[in-house]
Structures are given as C-alpha cells and as structure tokens.
Amino acid sequence: MPSKKLKKKSTSKITEANEEKKTTPRTAKIVLFVFGLGPLILMSLFLFSNGFFNSP
C-alpha cells in the first residue's frame, strides 16, 4: 500500500501575518513626513543656529 503524505494547511498563519503587515495610507503619510520633511527641518534649524542666514 502506498502511503499518502498529508499536507497540513497553514493558511491561517499566513493570513494573520499579512494582516499585521498592512500599510494604511495614514501610516504611509506619517513615514513620508518624518523621513522627508524631518531632515529638512533639522538642517534648517542647524543652519539658523550657526548663523548661516545672517548677512555679514
């Protein structure tokens, strides 16, 4: 008699993992703001504090 291998279904674990990693538009906007405008704001504050924009 040939033995049949039973395949266990692990689809429930895969769907749970996909639900946790969903990217919503709100989180995408927050990430773009932090990594896009954050460095620009920090650079401008640094330059202002060092007197870069003061006329000689």
PDB file of N, CA and C in Angstrom:
ATOM      1  N   MET A   1       0.832  -1.184   0.000  1.00  0.00           N
ATOM      2  CA  MET A   1       0.000   0.000   0.000  1.00  0.00           C
ATOM      3  C   MET A   1       0.876   1.247   0.000  1.00  0.00           C
ATOM      4  N   PRO A   2       0.650   2.097  -0.936  1.00  0.00           N
ATOM      5  CA  PRO A   2       1.419   3.335  -0.945  1.00  0.00           C
ATOM      6  C   PRO A   2       0.925   4.278   0.161  1.00  0.00           C
ATOM      7  N   SER A   3       1.870   4.866   0.839  1.00  0.00           N
ATOM      8  CA  SER A   3       1.482   5.776   1.910  1.00  0.00           C
ATOM      9  C   SER A   3       1.290   7.187   1.348  1.00  0.00           C
ATOM     10  N   LYS A   4       0.228   7.810   1.745  1.00  0.00           N
ATOM     11  CA  LYS A   4      -0.073   9.166   1.296  1.00  0.00           C
ATOM     12  C   LYS A   4       0.361  10.149   2.379  1.00  0.00           C
ATOM     13  N   LYS A   5       1.094  11.171   1.943  1.00  0.00           N
ATOM     14  CA  LYS A   5       1.517  12.201   2.885  1.00  0.00           C
ATOM     15  C   LYS A   5       0.418  13.254   3.005  1.00  0.00           C
ATOM     16  N   LEU A   6       0.095  13.554   4.209  1.00  0.00           N
ATOM     17  CA  LEU A   6      -0.919  14.563   4.442  1.00  0.00           C
ATOM     18  C   LEU A   6      -0.257  15.934   4.539  1.00  0.00           C
ATOM     19  N   LYS A   7      -0.817  16.851   3.802  1.00  0.00           N
ATOM     20  CA  LYS A   7      -0.294  18.224   3.853  1.00  0.00           C
ATOM     21  C   LYS A   7      -1.114  19.020   4.859  1.00  0.00           C
ATOM     22  N   LYS A   8      -0.410  19.648   5.768  1.00  0.00           N
ATOM     23  CA  LYS A   8      -1.093  20.482   6.747  1.00  0.00           C
ATOM     24  C   LYS A   8      -1.306  21.862   6.144  1.00  0.00           C
ATOM     25  N   LYS A   9      -2.489  22.388   6.347  1.00  0.00           N
ATOM     26  CA  LYS A   9      -2.804  23.711   5.824  1.00  0.00           C
ATOM     27  C   LYS A   9      -2.356  24.759   6.833  1.00  0.00           C
ATOM     28  N   SER A  10      -1.502  25.658   6.398  1.00  0.00           N
ATOM     29  CA  SER A  10      -1.026  26.730   7.271  1.00  0.00           C
ATOM     30  C   SER A  10      -1.463  28.082   6.746  1.00  0.00           C
ATOM     31  N   THR A  11      -2.611  28.118   6.077  1.00  0.00           N
ATOM     32  CA  THR A  11      -3.089  29.370   5.514  1.00  0.00           C
ATOM     33  C   THR A  11      -3.527  30.348   6.596  1.00  0.00           C
ATOM     34  N   SER A  12      -3.969  29.849   7.728  1.00  0.00           N
ATOM     35  CA  SER A  12      -4.408  30.748   8.793  1.00  0.00           C
ATOM     36  C   SER A  12      -3.237  31.551   9.341  1.00  0.00           C
ATOM     37  N   LYS A  13      -2.070  30.943   9.435  1.00  0.00           N
ATOM     38  CA  LYS A  13      -0.900  31.666   9.919  1.00  0.00           C
ATOM     39  C   LYS A  13      -0.448  32.713   8.911  1.00  0.00           C
ATOM     40  N   ILE A  14      -0.552  32.400   7.645  1.00  0.00           N
ATOM     41  CA  ILE A  14      -0.131  33.338   6.603  1.00  0.00           C
ATOM     42  C   ILE A  14      -1.060  34.545   6.576  1.00  0.00           C
ATOM     43  N   THR A  15      -2.357  34.332   6.683  1.00  0.00           N
ATOM     44  CA  THR A  15      -3.287  35.456   6.659  1.00  0.00           C
ATOM     45  C   THR A  15      -3.133  36.325   7.896  1.00  0.00           C
ATOM     46  N   GLU A  16      -2.829  35.730   9.036  1.00  0.00           N
ATOM     47  CA  GLU A  16      -2.609  36.530  10.242  1.00  0.00           C
ATOM     48  C   GLU A  16      -1.366  37.379  10.097  1.00  0.00           C
ATOM     49  N   ALA A  17      -0.324  36.860   9.487  1.00  0.00           N
ATOM     50  CA  ALA A  17       0.899  37.628   9.300  1.00  0.00           C
ATOM     51  C   ALA A  17       0.676  38.764   8.312  1.00  0.00           C
ATOM     52  N   ASN A  18      -0.122  38.520   7.272  1.00  0.00           N
ATOM     53  CA  ASN A  18      -0.396  39.570   6.296  1.00  0.00           C
ATOM     54  C   ASN A  18      -1.245  40.678   6.886  1.00  0.00           C
ATOM     55  N   GLU A  19      -2.144  40.359   7.788  1.00  0.00           N
ATOM     56  CA  GLU A  19      -2.977  41.375   8.409  1.00  0.00           C
ATOM     57  C   GLU A  19      -2.158  42.299   9.294  1.00  0.00           C
ATOM     58  N   GLU A  20      -1.118  41.785   9.924  1.00  0.00           N
ATOM     59  CA  GLU A  20      -0.290  42.606  10.795  1.00  0.00           C
ATOM     60  C   GLU A  20       0.595  43.559  10.001  1.00  0.00           C
ATOM     61  N   LYS A  21       0.959  43.202   8.771  1.00  0.00           N
ATOM     62  CA  LYS A  21       1.900  43.997   7.995  1.00  0.00           C
ATOM     63  C   LYS A  21       1.218  44.914   6.980  1.00  0.00           C
ATOM     64  N   LYS A  22      -0.069  45.138   7.100  1.00  0.00           N
ATOM     65  CA  LYS A  22      -0.766  46.012   6.158  1.00  0.00           C
ATOM     66  C   LYS A  22      -0.311  47.447   6.352  1.00  0.00           C
ATOM     67  N   THR A  23      -0.120  48.146   5.248  1.00  0.00           N
ATOM     68  CA  THR A  23       0.267  49.546   5.292  1.00  0.00           C
ATOM     69  C   THR A  23      -0.945  50.383   4.931  1.00  0.00           C
ATOM     70  N   THR A  24      -1.364  51.201   5.854  1.00  0.00           N
ATOM     71  CA  THR A  24      -2.504  52.068   5.596  1.00  0.00           C
ATOM     72  C   THR A  24      -2.002  53.394   5.046  1.00  0.00           C
ATOM     73  N   PRO A  25      -2.841  54.132   4.354  1.00  0.00           N
ATOM     74  CA  PRO A  25      -2.415  55.441   3.837  1.00  0.00           C
ATOM     75  C   PRO A  25      -1.982  56.399   4.943  1.00  0.00           C
ATOM     76  N   ARG A  26      -2.575  56.250   6.117  1.00  0.00           N
ATOM     77  CA  ARG A  26      -2.213  57.132   7.231  1.00  0.00           C
ATOM     78  C   ARG A  26      -0.772  56.896   7.670  1.00  0.00           C
ATOM     79  N   THR A  27      -0.384  55.632   7.833  1.00  0.00           N
ATOM     80  CA  THR A  27       0.981  55.344   8.246  1.00  0.00           C
ATOM     81  C   THR A  27       1.975  55.702   7.147  1.00  0.00           C
ATOM     82  N   ALA A  28       1.567  55.559   5.890  1.00  0.00           N
ATOM     83  CA  ALA A  28       2.458  55.937   4.792  1.00  0.00           C
ATOM     84  C   ALA A  28       2.717  57.434   4.807  1.00  0.00           C
ATOM     85  N   LYS A  29       1.697  58.224   5.090  1.00  0.00           N
ATOM     86  CA  LYS A  29       1.868  59.678   5.155  1.00  0.00           C
ATOM     87  C   LYS A  29       2.771  60.077   6.318  1.00  0.00           C
ATOM     88  N   ILE A  30       2.624  59.401   7.438  1.00  0.00           N
ATOM     89  CA  ILE A  30       3.464  59.702   8.597  1.00  0.00           C
ATOM     90  C   ILE A  30       4.924  59.391   8.292  1.00  0.00           C
ATOM     91  N   VAL A  31       5.175  58.260   7.649  1.00  0.00           N
ATOM     92  CA  VAL A  31       6.549  57.872   7.312  1.00  0.00           C
ATOM     93  C   VAL A  31       7.153  58.857   6.316  1.00  0.00           C
ATOM     94  N   LEU A  32       6.394  59.259   5.315  1.00  0.00           N
ATOM     95  CA  LEU A  32       6.899  60.228   4.343  1.00  0.00           C
ATOM     96  C   LEU A  32       7.184  61.571   4.995  1.00  0.00           C
ATOM     97  N   PHE A  33       6.353  61.970   5.943  1.00  0.00           N
ATOM     98  CA  PHE A  33       6.575  63.242   6.625  1.00  0.00           C
ATOM     99  C   PHE A  33       7.835  63.190   7.477  1.00  0.00           C
ATOM    100  N   VAL A  34       8.003  62.116   8.236  1.00  0.00           N
ATOM    101  CA  VAL A  34       9.151  62.010   9.148  1.00  0.00           C
ATOM    102  C   VAL A  34      10.458  61.923   8.369  1.00  0.00           C
ATOM    103  N   PHE A  35      10.504  61.062   7.351  1.00  0.00           N
ATOM    104  CA  PHE A  35      11.753  60.860   6.625  1.00  0.00           C
ATOM    105  C   PHE A  35      11.942  61.842   5.476  1.00  0.00           C
ATOM    106  N   GLY A  36      10.904  62.573   5.095  1.00  0.00           N
ATOM    107  CA  GLY A  36      11.019  63.542   4.011  1.00  0.00           C
ATOM    108  C   GLY A  36      11.251  64.947   4.526  1.00  0.00           C
ATOM    109  N   LEU A  37      10.347  65.426   5.365  1.00  0.00           N
ATOM    110  CA  LEU A  37      10.452  66.794   5.860  1.00  0.00           C
ATOM    111  C   LEU A  37      11.271  66.909   7.136  1.00  0.00           C
ATOM    112  N   GLY A  38      11.390  65.846   7.872  1.00  0.00           N
ATOM    113  CA  GLY A  38      12.140  65.871   9.123  1.00  0.00           C
ATOM    114  C   GLY A  38      13.589  66.302   8.955  1.00  0.00           C
ATOM    115  N   PRO A  39      14.346  65.686   8.045  1.00  0.00           N
ATOM    116  CA  PRO A  39      15.733  66.109   7.842  1.00  0.00           C
ATOM    117  C   PRO A  39      15.866  67.541   7.332  1.00  0.00           C
ATOM    118  N   LEU A  40      14.914  67.983   6.494  1.00  0.00           N
ATOM    119  CA  LEU A  40      14.965  69.367   6.006  1.00  0.00           C
ATOM    120  C   LEU A  40      14.774  70.355   7.147  1.00  0.00           C
ATOM    121  N   ILE A  41      13.860  70.060   8.036  1.00  0.00           N
ATOM    122  CA  ILE A  41      13.624  70.935   9.180  1.00  0.00           C
ATOM    123  C   ILE A  41      14.836  70.944  10.097  1.00  0.00           C
ATOM    124  N   LEU A  42      15.422  69.788  10.341  1.00  0.00           N
ATOM    125  CA  LEU A  42      16.607  69.721  11.206  1.00  0.00           C
ATOM    126  C   LEU A  42      17.791  70.465  10.590  1.00  0.00           C
ATOM    127  N   MET A  43      17.990  70.332   9.281  1.00  0.00           N
ATOM    128  CA  MET A  43      19.094  71.061   8.628  1.00  0.00           C
ATOM    129  C   MET A  43      18.888  72.565   8.700  1.00  0.00           C
ATOM    130  N   SER A  44      17.649  73.019   8.481  1.00  0.00           N
ATOM    131  CA  SER A  44      17.407  74.459   8.533  1.00  0.00           C
ATOM    132  C   SER A  44      17.593  74.993   9.950  1.00  0.00           C
ATOM    133  N   LEU A  45      17.171  74.242  10.960  1.00  0.00           N
ATOM    134  CA  LEU A  45      17.396  74.680  12.341  1.00  0.00           C
ATOM    135  C   LEU A  45      18.885  74.741  12.671  1.00  0.00           C
ATOM    136  N   PHE A  46      19.635  73.776  12.185  1.00  0.00           N
ATOM    137  CA  PHE A  46      21.072  73.768  12.408  1.00  0.00           C
ATOM    138  C   PHE A  46      21.740  74.975  11.751  1.00  0.00           C
ATOM    139  N   LEU A  47      21.345  75.266  10.518  1.00  0.00           N
ATOM    140  CA  LEU A  47      21.943  76.414   9.815  1.00  0.00           C
ATOM    141  C   LEU A  47      21.550  77.729  10.468  1.00  0.00           C
ATOM    142  N   PHE A  48      20.311  77.861  10.913  1.00  0.00           N
ATOM    143  CA  PHE A  48      19.900  79.078  11.611  1.00  0.00           C
ATOM    144  C   PHE A  48      20.677  79.255  12.905  1.00  0.00           C
ATOM    145  N   SER A  49      20.901  78.161  13.629  1.00  0.00           N
ATOM    146  CA  SER A  49      21.602  78.266  14.907  1.00  0.00           C
ATOM    147  C   SER A  49      23.068  78.638  14.716  1.00  0.00           C
ATOM    148  N   ASN A  50      23.654  78.283  13.580  1.00  0.00           N
ATOM    149  CA  ASN A  50      25.048  78.629  13.319  1.00  0.00           C
ATOM    150  C   ASN A  50      25.204  79.963  12.592  1.00  0.00           C
ATOM    151  N   GLY A  51      24.111  80.678  12.330  1.00  0.00           N
ATOM    152  CA  GLY A  51      24.181  81.990  11.718  1.00  0.00           C
ATOM    153  C   GLY A  51      24.432  81.950  10.217  1.00  0.00           C
ATOM    154  N   PHE A  52      24.043  80.917   9.551  1.00  0.00           N
ATOM    155  CA  PHE A  52      24.285  80.786   8.121  1.00  0.00           C
ATOM    156  C   PHE A  52      23.487  81.819   7.323  1.00  0.00           C
ATOM    157  N   PHE A  53      22.290  82.155   7.781  1.00  0.00           N
ATOM    158  CA  PHE A  53      21.430  83.055   7.026  1.00  0.00           C
ATOM    159  C   PHE A  53      21.580  84.518   7.461  1.00  0.00           C
ATOM    160  N   ASN A  54      22.468  84.835   8.371  1.00  0.00           N
ATOM    161  CA  ASN A  54      22.708  86.212   8.780  1.00  0.00           C
ATOM    162  C   ASN A  54      23.593  86.898   7.754  1.00  0.00           C
ATOM    163  N   SER A  55      23.248  88.135   7.402  1.00  0.00           N
ATOM    164  CA  SER A  55      24.086  88.868   6.444  1.00  0.00           C
ATOM    165  C   SER A  55      25.317  89.418   7.149  1.00  0.00           C
ATOM    166  N   PRO A  56      26.461  89.410   6.470  1.00  0.00           N
ATOM    167  CA  PRO A  56      27.707  89.869   7.121  1.00  0.00           C
ATOM    168  C   PRO A  56      27.783  91.370   7.316  1.00  0.00           C
TER     169      PRO A  56
END
